[in-house]
């Protein structure tokens, strides 16, 4: 599977307490990332593919990959639709 990378030219981000706020520069849409979403966002480094993200999340949250897979898929789809990530 291909790696997933952030489109750093498409957003700005800032940390506020225990969350990260990401703003899409094209349309001004904001995302408030906490908990699992923040963990996924932080793991997207351009070197990991879907399977590696799922494995890292499973290790971080001590949960089976299958349990996390639905949330991971949904969040990645949201990021793709917002054009904040690419899969290459």
Protein backbone atom coordinates (compact mmCIF):
# COMPACT_ATOMS: atom_id res chain seq x y z
CA UNK A 1 0.00 0.00 0.00
CA UNK A 2 1.15 3.55 -0.60
CA UNK A 3 2.24 5.99 2.05
CA UNK A 4 0.03 8.76 3.38
CA UNK A 5 1.39 12.29 3.68
CA UNK A 6 0.09 15.62 4.86
CA UNK A 7 -0.30 18.33 2.23
CA UNK A 8 1.59 20.88 4.34
CA UNK A 9 0.98 23.60 1.78
CA UNK A 10 -2.78 23.23 2.25
CA UNK A 11 -3.13 24.02 5.96
CA UNK A 12 -1.84 25.74 9.07
CA UNK A 13 -2.03 24.20 12.50
CA UNK A 14 -1.62 25.22 16.11
CA UNK A 15 -1.77 23.45 19.44
CA UNK A 16 -4.18 24.65 22.09
CA UNK A 17 -4.00 22.76 25.38
CA UNK A 18 -4.72 19.10 24.58
CA UNK A 19 -5.92 19.61 21.02
CA UNK A 20 -4.58 20.67 17.65
CA UNK A 21 -6.54 23.03 15.43
CA UNK A 22 -5.96 22.66 11.69
CA UNK A 23 -7.26 25.24 9.22
CA UNK A 24 -7.64 24.47 5.53
CA UNK A 25 -6.09 27.44 3.69
CA UNK A 26 -8.26 27.00 0.62
CA UNK A 27 -11.68 27.24 2.24
CA UNK A 28 -11.04 28.30 5.84
CA UNK A 29 -12.53 25.09 7.26
CA UNK A 30 -11.30 24.26 10.76
CA UNK A 31 -10.67 20.86 12.30
CA UNK A 32 -10.30 20.41 16.06
CA UNK A 33 -8.28 17.26 16.66
CA UNK A 34 -8.25 15.45 19.99
CA UNK A 35 -7.74 11.95 21.29
CA UNK A 36 -7.69 9.35 18.48
CA UNK A 37 -7.92 11.93 15.67
CA UNK A 38 -4.92 13.77 17.10
CA UNK A 39 -2.98 10.53 17.44
CA UNK A 40 -3.69 9.67 13.80
CA UNK A 41 -2.77 13.16 12.62
CA UNK A 42 0.53 13.01 14.51
CA UNK A 43 1.34 9.60 13.02
CA UNK A 44 0.88 10.78 9.42
CA UNK A 45 4.50 11.42 8.52
CA UNK A 46 4.74 10.52 4.85
CA UNK A 47 6.51 7.25 5.66
CA UNK A 48 3.57 5.17 6.91
CA UNK A 49 0.86 3.51 4.88
CA UNK A 50 -2.59 2.55 6.17
CA UNK A 51 -1.38 -0.71 7.70
CA UNK A 52 1.47 1.01 9.54
CA UNK A 53 -0.89 3.68 10.88
CA UNK A 54 -3.29 1.00 12.12
CA UNK A 55 -0.47 -0.93 13.80
CA UNK A 56 0.91 2.19 15.49
CA UNK A 57 -2.56 3.14 16.76
CA UNK A 58 -3.17 -0.37 18.06
CA UNK A 59 0.07 -0.16 20.00
CA UNK A 60 -0.63 3.32 21.34
CA UNK A 61 -4.17 2.54 22.50
CA UNK A 62 -3.63 -1.14 23.38
CA UNK A 63 -6.53 -2.12 21.16
CA UNK A 64 -6.92 -4.58 18.29
CA UNK A 65 -6.33 -3.06 14.85
CA UNK A 66 -9.77 -4.26 13.73
CA UNK A 67 -11.44 -2.14 16.41
CA UNK A 68 -9.55 0.98 15.32
CA UNK A 69 -9.84 0.38 11.58
CA UNK A 70 -13.31 1.90 11.13
CA UNK A 71 -12.32 5.13 12.92
CA UNK A 72 -9.04 5.28 11.02
CA UNK A 73 -10.74 4.80 7.65
CA UNK A 74 -13.39 7.42 8.40
CA UNK A 75 -10.90 10.00 9.60
CA UNK A 76 -8.54 9.46 6.65
CA UNK A 77 -11.50 9.85 4.28
CA UNK A 78 -12.43 13.15 5.98
CA UNK A 79 -8.84 14.37 5.57
CA UNK A 80 -8.80 13.31 1.90
CA UNK A 81 -12.08 15.10 1.20
CA UNK A 82 -10.67 18.22 2.88
CA UNK A 83 -7.56 17.81 0.67
CA UNK A 84 -5.28 17.81 3.70
CA UNK A 85 -3.60 14.48 2.85
CA UNK A 86 -2.41 12.61 -0.22
CA UNK A 87 -1.76 8.96 -0.71
CA UNK A 88 1.17 8.31 -2.97
